[in-house]
All heavy atoms as atom14 arrays in JSON, in Angstrom:
{
  "sequence": "ILVAIGFKTKLAALTLVVWLFAINVYFNAFWTIPVYKPMHDFLK",
  "atom14_mask": [
    [1, 1, 1, 1, 1, 1, 1, 1, 0, 0, 0, 0, 0, 0],
    [1, 1, 1, 1, 1, 1, 1, 1, 0, 0, 0, 0, 0, 0],
    [1, 1, 1, 1, 1, 1, 1, 0, 0, 0, 0, 0, 0, 0],
    [1, 1, 1, 1, 1, 0, 0, 0, 0, 0, 0, 0, 0, 0],
    [1, 1, 1, 1, 1, 1, 1, 1, 0, 0, 0, 0, 0, 0],
    [1, 1, 1, 1, 0, 0, 0, 0, 0, 0, 0, 0, 0, 0],
    [1, 1, 1, 1, 1, 1, 1, 1, 1, 1, 1, 0, 0, 0],
    [1, 1, 1, 1, 1, 1, 1, 1, 1, 0, 0, 0, 0, 0],
    [1, 1, 1, 1, 1, 1, 1, 0, 0, 0, 0, 0, 0, 0],
    [1, 1, 1, 1, 1, 1, 1, 1, 1, 0, 0, 0, 0, 0],
    [1, 1, 1, 1, 1, 1, 1, 1, 0, 0, 0, 0, 0, 0],
    [1, 1, 1, 1, 1, 0, 0, 0, 0, 0, 0, 0, 0, 0],
    [1, 1, 1, 1, 1, 0, 0, 0, 0, 0, 0, 0, 0, 0],
    [1, 1, 1, 1, 1, 1, 1, 1, 0, 0, 0, 0, 0, 0],
    [1, 1, 1, 1, 1, 1, 1, 0, 0, 0, 0, 0, 0, 0],
    [1, 1, 1, 1, 1, 1, 1, 1, 0, 0, 0, 0, 0, 0],
    [1, 1, 1, 1, 1, 1, 1, 0, 0, 0, 0, 0, 0, 0],
    [1, 1, 1, 1, 1, 1, 1, 0, 0, 0, 0, 0, 0, 0],
    [1, 1, 1, 1, 1, 1, 1, 1, 1, 1, 1, 1, 1, 1],
    [1, 1, 1, 1, 1, 1, 1, 1, 0, 0, 0, 0, 0, 0],
    [1, 1, 1, 1, 1, 1, 1, 1, 1, 1, 1, 0, 0, 0],
    [1, 1, 1, 1, 1, 0, 0, 0, 0, 0, 0, 0, 0, 0],
    [1, 1, 1, 1, 1, 1, 1, 1, 0, 0, 0, 0, 0, 0],
    [1, 1, 1, 1, 1, 1, 1, 1, 0, 0, 0, 0, 0, 0],
    [1, 1, 1, 1, 1, 1, 1, 0, 0, 0, 0, 0, 0, 0],
    [1, 1, 1, 1, 1, 1, 1, 1, 1, 1, 1, 1, 0, 0],
    [1, 1, 1, 1, 1, 1, 1, 1, 1, 1, 1, 0, 0, 0],
    [1, 1, 1, 1, 1, 1, 1, 1, 0, 0, 0, 0, 0, 0],
    [1, 1, 1, 1, 1, 0, 0, 0, 0, 0, 0, 0, 0, 0],
    [1, 1, 1, 1, 1, 1, 1, 1, 1, 1, 1, 0, 0, 0],
    [1, 1, 1, 1, 1, 1, 1, 1, 1, 1, 1, 1, 1, 1],
    [1, 1, 1, 1, 1, 1, 1, 0, 0, 0, 0, 0, 0, 0],
    [1, 1, 1, 1, 1, 1, 1, 1, 0, 0, 0, 0, 0, 0],
    [1, 1, 1, 1, 1, 1, 1, 0, 0, 0, 0, 0, 0, 0],
    [1, 1, 1, 1, 1, 1, 1, 0, 0, 0, 0, 0, 0, 0],
    [1, 1, 1, 1, 1, 1, 1, 1, 1, 1, 1, 1, 0, 0],
    [1, 1, 1, 1, 1, 1, 1, 1, 1, 0, 0, 0, 0, 0],
    [1, 1, 1, 1, 1, 1, 1, 0, 0, 0, 0, 0, 0, 0],
    [1, 1, 1, 1, 1, 1, 1, 1, 0, 0, 0, 0, 0, 0],
    [1, 1, 1, 1, 1, 1, 1, 1, 1, 1, 0, 0, 0, 0],
    [1, 1, 1, 1, 1, 1, 1, 1, 0, 0, 0, 0, 0, 0],
    [1, 1, 1, 1, 1, 1, 1, 1, 1, 1, 1, 0, 0, 0],
    [1, 1, 1, 1, 1, 1, 1, 1, 0, 0, 0, 0, 0, 0],
    [1, 1, 1, 1, 1, 1, 1, 1, 1, 0, 0, 0, 0, 0]
  ],
  "atom14_positions": [
    [[-112.2, -54.98, -55.8], [-113.05, -56.17, -55.58], [-112.48, -57.36, -56.34], [-112.41, -58.48, -55.8], [-114.51, -55.88, -56.01], [-115.14, -54.86, -55.05], [-115.34, -57.16, -56.04], [-116.46, -54.27, -55.54], [0.0, 0.0, 0.0], [0.0, 0.0, 0.0], [0.0, 0.0, 0.0], [0.0, 0.0, 0.0], [0.0, 0.0, 0.0], [0.0, 0.0, 0.0]],
    [[-112.03, -57.14, -57.59], [-111.45, -58.24, -58.39], [-110.22, -58.84, -57.7], [-110.06, -60.06, -57.65], [-111.08, -57.74, -59.79], [-112.23, -57.41, -60.74], [-111.7, -56.85, -62.05], [-113.11, -58.63, -61.0], [0.0, 0.0, 0.0], [0.0, 0.0, 0.0], [0.0, 0.0, 0.0], [0.0, 0.0, 0.0], [0.0, 0.0, 0.0], [0.0, 0.0, 0.0]],
    [[-109.34, -57.97, -57.16], [-108.14, -58.48, -56.47], [-108.53, -59.22, -55.2], [-108.01, -60.3, -54.9], [-107.16, -57.32, -56.14], [-106.05, -57.79, -55.22], [-106.55, -56.76, -57.43], [0.0, 0.0, 0.0], [0.0, 0.0, 0.0], [0.0, 0.0, 0.0], [0.0, 0.0, 0.0], [0.0, 0.0, 0.0], [0.0, 0.0, 0.0], [0.0, 0.0, 0.0]],
    [[-109.48, -58.67, -54.44], [-109.88, -59.28, -53.16], [-110.49, -60.67, -53.36], [-110.17, -61.6, -52.64], [-110.84, -58.36, -52.42], [0.0, 0.0, 0.0], [0.0, 0.0, 0.0], [0.0, 0.0, 0.0], [0.0, 0.0, 0.0], [0.0, 0.0, 0.0], [0.0, 0.0, 0.0], [0.0, 0.0, 0.0], [0.0, 0.0, 0.0], [0.0, 0.0, 0.0]],
    [[-111.38, -60.79, -54.38], [-112.03, -62.1, -54.58], [-111.19, -63.03, -55.47], [-111.47, -64.22, -55.58], [-113.45, -61.96, -55.19], [-113.4, -61.36, -56.6], [-114.36, -61.16, -54.27], [-114.75, -61.35, -57.32], [0.0, 0.0, 0.0], [0.0, 0.0, 0.0], [0.0, 0.0, 0.0], [0.0, 0.0, 0.0], [0.0, 0.0, 0.0], [0.0, 0.0, 0.0]],
    [[-110.15, -62.45, -56.09], [-109.26, -63.28, -56.91], [-109.84, -63.65, -58.25], [-109.75, -64.79, -58.69], [0.0, 0.0, 0.0], [0.0, 0.0, 0.0], [0.0, 0.0, 0.0], [0.0, 0.0, 0.0], [0.0, 0.0, 0.0], [0.0, 0.0, 0.0], [0.0, 0.0, 0.0], [0.0, 0.0, 0.0], [0.0, 0.0, 0.0], [0.0, 0.0, 0.0]],
    [[-110.44, -62.67, -58.95], [-111.0, -62.9, -60.29], [-110.24, -62.03, -61.29], [-110.11, -60.83, -61.09], [-112.49, -62.56, -60.31], [-113.15, -62.87, -61.64], [-113.3, -64.18, -62.06], [-113.59, -61.84, -62.45], [-113.89, -64.47, -63.3], [-114.19, -62.11, -63.69], [-114.34, -63.44, -64.1], [0.0, 0.0, 0.0], [0.0, 0.0, 0.0], [0.0, 0.0, 0.0]],
    [[-109.72, -62.65, -62.37], [-108.83, -61.93, -63.31], [-107.75, -61.21, -62.5], [-107.42, -60.04, -62.74], [-109.61, -60.9, -64.14], [-110.74, -61.48, -64.97], [-110.22, -62.15, -66.22], [-111.33, -62.65, -67.12], [-110.85, -63.58, -68.15], [0.0, 0.0, 0.0], [0.0, 0.0, 0.0], [0.0, 0.0, 0.0], [0.0, 0.0, 0.0], [0.0, 0.0, 0.0]],
    [[-107.21, -61.94, -61.53], [-106.41, -61.31, -60.47], [-105.17, -60.61, -60.99], [-104.87, -59.49, -60.6], [-106.0, -62.38, -59.42], [-107.1, -63.24, -59.18], [-105.58, -61.72, -58.12], [0.0, 0.0, 0.0], [0.0, 0.0, 0.0], [0.0, 0.0, 0.0], [0.0, 0.0, 0.0], [0.0, 0.0, 0.0], [0.0, 0.0, 0.0], [0.0, 0.0, 0.0]],
    [[-104.42, -61.3, -61.85], [-103.14, -60.74, -62.3], [-103.34, -59.45, -63.1], [-102.63, -58.47, -62.92], [-102.37, -61.77, -63.12], [-101.91, -62.96, -62.28], [-101.03, -63.9, -63.08], [-100.5, -65.02, -62.2], [-99.51, -65.85, -62.87], [0.0, 0.0, 0.0], [0.0, 0.0, 0.0], [0.0, 0.0, 0.0], [0.0, 0.0, 0.0], [0.0, 0.0, 0.0]],
    [[-104.35, -59.46, -63.97], [-104.64, -58.27, -64.77], [-105.11, -57.12, -63.88], [-104.66, -55.98, -64.04], [-105.7, -58.6, -65.83], [-106.1, -57.45, -66.77], [-104.89, -56.94, -67.53], [-107.17, -57.91, -67.76], [0.0, 0.0, 0.0], [0.0, 0.0, 0.0], [0.0, 0.0, 0.0], [0.0, 0.0, 0.0], [0.0, 0.0, 0.0], [0.0, 0.0, 0.0]],
    [[-106.01, -57.42, -62.94], [-106.52, -56.38, -62.02], [-105.39, -55.81, -61.17], [-105.28, -54.59, -60.99], [-107.62, -56.95, -61.14], [0.0, 0.0, 0.0], [0.0, 0.0, 0.0], [0.0, 0.0, 0.0], [0.0, 0.0, 0.0], [0.0, 0.0, 0.0], [0.0, 0.0, 0.0], [0.0, 0.0, 0.0], [0.0, 0.0, 0.0], [0.0, 0.0, 0.0]],
    [[-104.52, -56.7, -60.66], [-103.41, -56.26, -59.81], [-102.43, -55.4, -60.6], [-101.95, -54.37, -60.11], [-102.69, -57.46, -59.2], [0.0, 0.0, 0.0], [0.0, 0.0, 0.0], [0.0, 0.0, 0.0], [0.0, 0.0, 0.0], [0.0, 0.0, 0.0], [0.0, 0.0, 0.0], [0.0, 0.0, 0.0], [0.0, 0.0, 0.0], [0.0, 0.0, 0.0]],
    [[-102.15, -55.8, -61.84], [-101.22, -55.03, -62.68], [-101.8, -53.66, -63.01], [-101.08, -52.65, -63.0], [-100.91, -55.81, -63.97], [-99.75, -55.24, -64.79], [-98.43, -55.37, -64.04], [-99.66, -55.95, -66.13], [0.0, 0.0, 0.0], [0.0, 0.0, 0.0], [0.0, 0.0, 0.0], [0.0, 0.0, 0.0], [0.0, 0.0, 0.0], [0.0, 0.0, 0.0]],
    [[-103.1, -53.6, -63.28], [-103.76, -52.31, -63.55], [-103.67, -51.41, -62.32], [-103.39, -50.21, -62.43], [-105.24, -52.53, -63.93], [-105.3, -53.52, -64.95], [-105.87, -51.24, -64.44], [0.0, 0.0, 0.0], [0.0, 0.0, 0.0], [0.0, 0.0, 0.0], [0.0, 0.0, 0.0], [0.0, 0.0, 0.0], [0.0, 0.0, 0.0], [0.0, 0.0, 0.0]],
    [[-103.88, -51.99, -61.13], [-103.76, -51.21, -59.89], [-102.33, -50.72, -59.68], [-102.13, -49.62, -59.17], [-104.22, -52.05, -58.69], [-105.73, -52.18, -58.47], [-106.02, -53.1, -57.3], [-106.38, -50.82, -58.22], [0.0, 0.0, 0.0], [0.0, 0.0, 0.0], [0.0, 0.0, 0.0], [0.0, 0.0, 0.0], [0.0, 0.0, 0.0], [0.0, 0.0, 0.0]],
    [[-101.35, -51.53, -60.05], [-99.94, -51.12, -59.93], [-99.69, -49.85, -60.75], [-99.11, -48.87, -60.26], [-98.98, -52.25, -60.4], [-97.57, -51.72, -60.64], [-98.94, -53.37, -59.37], [0.0, 0.0, 0.0], [0.0, 0.0, 0.0], [0.0, 0.0, 0.0], [0.0, 0.0, 0.0], [0.0, 0.0, 0.0], [0.0, 0.0, 0.0], [0.0, 0.0, 0.0]],
    [[-100.15, -49.87, -62.01], [-99.94, -48.72, -62.91], [-100.66, -47.48, -62.36], [-100.09, -46.38, -62.29], [-100.44, -49.05, -64.34], [-100.36, -47.83, -65.24], [-99.63, -50.2, -64.93], [0.0, 0.0, 0.0], [0.0, 0.0, 0.0], [0.0, 0.0, 0.0], [0.0, 0.0, 0.0], [0.0, 0.0, 0.0], [0.0, 0.0, 0.0], [0.0, 0.0, 0.0]],
    [[-101.91, -47.68, -61.92], [-102.73, -46.58, -61.41], [-102.11, -45.99, -60.14], [-101.95, -44.78, -60.0], [-104.14, -47.11, -61.13], [-105.11, -46.08, -60.62], [-105.3, -44.81, -61.1], [-106.03, -46.22, -59.54], [-106.28, -44.16, -60.38], [-106.74, -45.02, -59.41], [-106.32, -47.26, -58.66], [-107.73, -44.82, -58.46], [-107.31, -47.08, -57.71], [-108.0, -45.86, -57.61]],
    [[-101.71, -46.88, -59.23], [-101.16, -46.43, -57.95], [-99.82, -45.74, -58.13], [-99.52, -44.74, -57.47], [-101.0, -47.64, -57.01], [-100.73, -47.38, -55.53], [-101.75, -46.42, -54.94], [-100.73, -48.68, -54.74], [0.0, 0.0, 0.0], [0.0, 0.0, 0.0], [0.0, 0.0, 0.0], [0.0, 0.0, 0.0], [0.0, 0.0, 0.0], [0.0, 0.0, 0.0]],
    [[-99.01, -46.26, -59.07], [-97.7, -45.65, -59.33], [-97.87, -44.22, -59.86], [-97.18, -43.29, -59.44], [-96.91, -46.5, -60.31], [-95.5, -45.99, -60.54], [-94.54, -46.16, -59.56], [-95.16, -45.32, -61.71], [-93.24, -45.68, -59.75], [-93.88, -44.84, -61.91], [-92.92, -45.02, -60.92], [0.0, 0.0, 0.0], [0.0, 0.0, 0.0], [0.0, 0.0, 0.0]],
    [[-98.84, -44.05, -60.79], [-99.1, -42.72, -61.36], [-99.56, -41.75, -60.27], [-99.08, -40.61, -60.18], [-100.16, -42.82, -62.46], [0.0, 0.0, 0.0], [0.0, 0.0, 0.0], [0.0, 0.0, 0.0], [0.0, 0.0, 0.0], [0.0, 0.0, 0.0], [0.0, 0.0, 0.0], [0.0, 0.0, 0.0], [0.0, 0.0, 0.0], [0.0, 0.0, 0.0]],
    [[-100.5, -42.19, -59.42], [-101.0, -41.35, -58.32], [-99.86, -41.0, -57.36], [-99.74, -39.86, -56.9], [-102.13, -42.1, -57.56], [-103.41, -42.12, -58.4], [-102.42, -41.46, -56.21], [-104.53, -42.94, -57.81], [0.0, 0.0, 0.0], [0.0, 0.0, 0.0], [0.0, 0.0, 0.0], [0.0, 0.0, 0.0], [0.0, 0.0, 0.0], [0.0, 0.0, 0.0]],
    [[-99.01, -41.99, -57.08], [-97.91, -41.8, -56.13], [-96.93, -40.74, -56.61], [-96.54, -39.84, -55.86], [-97.19, -43.15, -55.93], [-96.37, -43.18, -54.66], [-96.66, -42.45, -53.7], [-95.37, -44.02, -54.61], [0.0, 0.0, 0.0], [0.0, 0.0, 0.0], [0.0, 0.0, 0.0], [0.0, 0.0, 0.0], [0.0, 0.0, 0.0], [0.0, 0.0, 0.0]],
    [[-96.52, -40.87, -57.87], [-95.54, -39.92, -58.43], [-96.14, -38.51, -58.51], [-95.45, -37.52, -58.28], [-95.06, -40.39, -59.83], [-94.24, -39.32, -60.52], [-94.24, -41.67, -59.69], [0.0, 0.0, 0.0], [0.0, 0.0, 0.0], [0.0, 0.0, 0.0], [0.0, 0.0, 0.0], [0.0, 0.0, 0.0], [0.0, 0.0, 0.0], [0.0, 0.0, 0.0]],
    [[-97.45, -38.43, -58.78], [-98.1, -37.12, -58.92], [-98.34, -36.45, -57.57], [-98.01, -35.28, -57.38], [-99.43, -37.29, -59.67], [-100.14, -35.99, -59.93], [-99.7, -35.12, -60.93], [-101.25, -35.61, -59.18], [-100.34, -33.92, -61.17], [-101.9, -34.41, -59.42], [-101.45, -33.57, -60.41], [-102.08, -32.36, -60.64], [0.0, 0.0, 0.0], [0.0, 0.0, 0.0]],
    [[-98.91, -37.2, -56.62], [-99.32, -36.58, -55.35], [-98.22, -36.58, -54.27], [-98.25, -35.75, -53.37], [-100.56, -37.29, -54.79], [-101.81, -36.96, -55.54], [-102.43, -37.92, -56.32], [-102.38, -35.7, -55.47], [-103.59, -37.63, -57.04], [-103.54, -35.4, -56.17], [-104.15, -36.36, -56.96], [0.0, 0.0, 0.0], [0.0, 0.0, 0.0], [0.0, 0.0, 0.0]],
    [[-97.29, -37.52, -54.34], [-96.27, -37.61, -53.28], [-94.87, -37.25, -53.77], [-93.88, -37.86, -53.39], [-96.25, -39.03, -52.69], [-97.53, -39.37, -51.96], [-98.13, -38.5, -51.32], [-97.96, -40.62, -52.03], [0.0, 0.0, 0.0], [0.0, 0.0, 0.0], [0.0, 0.0, 0.0], [0.0, 0.0, 0.0], [0.0, 0.0, 0.0], [0.0, 0.0, 0.0]],
    [[-94.8, -36.23, -54.63], [-93.51, -35.82, -55.21], [-92.69, -35.06, -54.17], [-92.53, -33.83, -54.24], [-93.76, -34.97, -56.46], [0.0, 0.0, 0.0], [0.0, 0.0, 0.0], [0.0, 0.0, 0.0], [0.0, 0.0, 0.0], [0.0, 0.0, 0.0], [0.0, 0.0, 0.0], [0.0, 0.0, 0.0], [0.0, 0.0, 0.0], [0.0, 0.0, 0.0]],
    [[-92.15, -35.78, -53.19], [-91.41, -35.15, -52.08], [-90.14, -34.44, -52.56], [-89.65, -33.51, -51.94], [-91.05, -36.2, -51.01], [-90.11, -37.27, -51.47], [-88.73, -37.11, -51.36], [-90.59, -38.46, -52.01], [-87.86, -38.1, -51.79], [-89.72, -39.46, -52.44], [-88.35, -39.28, -52.33], [0.0, 0.0, 0.0], [0.0, 0.0, 0.0], [0.0, 0.0, 0.0]],
    [[-89.59, -34.9, -53.72], [-88.35, -34.31, -54.26], [-88.55, -32.87, -54.74], [-87.59, -32.17, -54.99], [-87.8, -35.18, -55.38], [-88.83, -35.51, -56.44], [-89.13, -34.79, -57.56], [-89.71, -36.64, -56.45], [-90.13, -35.39, -58.27], [-90.51, -36.53, -57.62], [-89.89, -37.73, -55.6], [-91.49, -37.48, -57.95], [-90.86, -38.67, -55.94], [-91.65, -38.54, -57.08]],
    [[-89.8, -32.43, -54.88], [-90.05, -31.04, -55.33], [-90.14, -30.07, -54.15], [-90.27, -28.87, -54.34], [-91.39, -30.97, -56.11], [-92.46, -31.34, -55.22], [-91.38, -31.88, -57.32], [0.0, 0.0, 0.0], [0.0, 0.0, 0.0], [0.0, 0.0, 0.0], [0.0, 0.0, 0.0], [0.0, 0.0, 0.0], [0.0, 0.0, 0.0], [0.0, 0.0, 0.0]],
    [[-90.08, -30.61, -52.92], [-90.23, -29.76, -51.73], [-88.91, -29.71, -50.97], [-88.25, -30.75, -50.81], [-91.36, -30.32, -50.83], [-92.7, -30.11, -51.54], [-91.39, -29.65, -49.46], [-93.88, -30.75, -50.88], [0.0, 0.0, 0.0], [0.0, 0.0, 0.0], [0.0, 0.0, 0.0], [0.0, 0.0, 0.0], [0.0, 0.0, 0.0], [0.0, 0.0, 0.0]],
    [[-88.48, -28.5, -50.53], [-87.2, -28.38, -49.8], [-87.14, -29.32, -48.59], [-88.15, -29.54, -47.91], [-87.19, -26.92, -49.34], [-88.11, -26.21, -50.29], [-89.15, -27.21, -50.69], [0.0, 0.0, 0.0], [0.0, 0.0, 0.0], [0.0, 0.0, 0.0], [0.0, 0.0, 0.0], [0.0, 0.0, 0.0], [0.0, 0.0, 0.0], [0.0, 0.0, 0.0]],
    [[-85.95, -29.85, -48.32], [-85.76, -30.85, -47.27], [-86.16, -30.34, -45.89], [-86.65, -31.09, -45.05], [-84.28, -31.32, -47.26], [-84.01, -32.3, -46.14], [-83.91, -31.95, -48.6], [0.0, 0.0, 0.0], [0.0, 0.0, 0.0], [0.0, 0.0, 0.0], [0.0, 0.0, 0.0], [0.0, 0.0, 0.0], [0.0, 0.0, 0.0], [0.0, 0.0, 0.0]],
    [[-85.95, -29.04, -45.65], [-86.2, -28.5, -44.3], [-87.69, -28.34, -43.98], [-88.06, -28.11, -42.84], [-85.48, -27.15, -44.11], [-85.89, -26.08, -45.11], [-87.02, -25.3, -44.89], [-85.14, -25.86, -46.26], [-87.4, -24.32, -45.81], [-85.52, -24.9, -47.2], [-86.64, -24.13, -46.96], [-87.03, -23.18, -47.88], [0.0, 0.0, 0.0], [0.0, 0.0, 0.0]],
    [[-88.55, -28.47, -44.99], [-89.99, -28.33, -44.73], [-90.57, -29.67, -44.25], [-90.28, -30.71, -44.82], [-90.72, -27.88, -46.0], [-90.38, -26.46, -46.41], [-91.36, -25.92, -47.43], [-91.12, -24.44, -47.69], [-92.03, -23.89, -48.68], [0.0, 0.0, 0.0], [0.0, 0.0, 0.0], [0.0, 0.0, 0.0], [0.0, 0.0, 0.0], [0.0, 0.0, 0.0]],
    [[-91.43, -29.63, -43.21], [-92.03, -30.87, -42.68], [-92.77, -31.67, -43.76], [-92.8, -32.9, -43.72], [-93.02, -30.36, -41.62], [-92.52, -29.02, -41.23], [-91.87, -28.45, -42.45], [0.0, 0.0, 0.0], [0.0, 0.0, 0.0], [0.0, 0.0, 0.0], [0.0, 0.0, 0.0], [0.0, 0.0, 0.0], [0.0, 0.0, 0.0], [0.0, 0.0, 0.0]],
    [[-93.35, -30.98, -44.74], [-94.12, -31.65, -45.79], [-93.24, -32.61, -46.6], [-93.71, -33.63, -47.1], [-94.74, -30.59, -46.72], [-95.88, -31.1, -47.55], [-97.26, -31.64, -46.5], [-98.41, -32.19, -47.73], [0.0, 0.0, 0.0], [0.0, 0.0, 0.0], [0.0, 0.0, 0.0], [0.0, 0.0, 0.0], [0.0, 0.0, 0.0], [0.0, 0.0, 0.0]],
    [[-91.94, -32.29, -46.71], [-91.0, -33.15, -47.44], [-90.98, -34.54, -46.82], [-91.12, -35.55, -47.52], [-89.6, -32.53, -47.42], [-88.54, -33.41, -48.03], [-88.2, -33.35, -49.36], [-87.76, -34.38, -47.48], [-87.26, -34.24, -49.62], [-86.97, -34.88, -48.49], [0.0, 0.0, 0.0], [0.0, 0.0, 0.0], [0.0, 0.0, 0.0], [0.0, 0.0, 0.0]],
    [[-90.81, -34.59, -45.49], [-90.77, -35.87, -44.77], [-92.1, -36.6, -44.85], [-92.14, -37.82, -45.0], [-90.41, -35.63, -43.3], [-88.93, -35.86, -43.05], [-88.21, -36.1, -44.04], [-88.49, -35.79, -41.89], [0.0, 0.0, 0.0], [0.0, 0.0, 0.0], [0.0, 0.0, 0.0], [0.0, 0.0, 0.0], [0.0, 0.0, 0.0], [0.0, 0.0, 0.0]],
    [[-93.18, -35.87, -44.73], [-94.52, -36.46, -44.75], [-94.79, -37.14, -46.09], [-95.23, -38.29, -46.15], [-95.56, -35.37, -44.48], [-96.97, -35.88, -44.47], [-97.48, -36.57, -43.38], [-97.81, -35.67, -45.57], [-98.77, -37.06, -43.38], [-99.11, -36.16, -45.58], [-99.59, -36.85, -44.48], [0.0, 0.0, 0.0], [0.0, 0.0, 0.0], [0.0, 0.0, 0.0]],
    [[-94.48, -36.42, -47.18], [-94.72, -36.98, -48.52], [-93.77, -38.14, -48.82], [-94.15, -39.1, -49.49], [-94.55, -35.89, -49.59], [-95.63, -34.81, -49.65], [-95.35, -33.82, -50.78], [-97.03, -35.41, -49.84], [0.0, 0.0, 0.0], [0.0, 0.0, 0.0], [0.0, 0.0, 0.0], [0.0, 0.0, 0.0], [0.0, 0.0, 0.0], [0.0, 0.0, 0.0]],
    [[-92.54, -38.02, -48.32], [-91.55, -39.08, -48.53], [-92.02, -40.38, -47.88], [-91.96, -41.46, -48.48], [-90.21, -38.65, -47.93], [-89.03, -39.51, -48.34], [-87.76, -38.91, -47.75], [-86.55, -39.73, -48.07], [-85.35, -39.21, -47.4], [0.0, 0.0, 0.0], [0.0, 0.0, 0.0], [0.0, 0.0, 0.0], [0.0, 0.0, 0.0], [0.0, 0.0, 0.0]]
  ]
}
């Protein structure tokens, strides 16, 4: 909501960057799955 309405925008956006990066590395770790598995491409 803060990013959408533009209130404390830079701080809110930076916090979302950190949060999203952490979630991304944790949930979409395609490098841990063999290349031949369809899940590798999906996560990538």
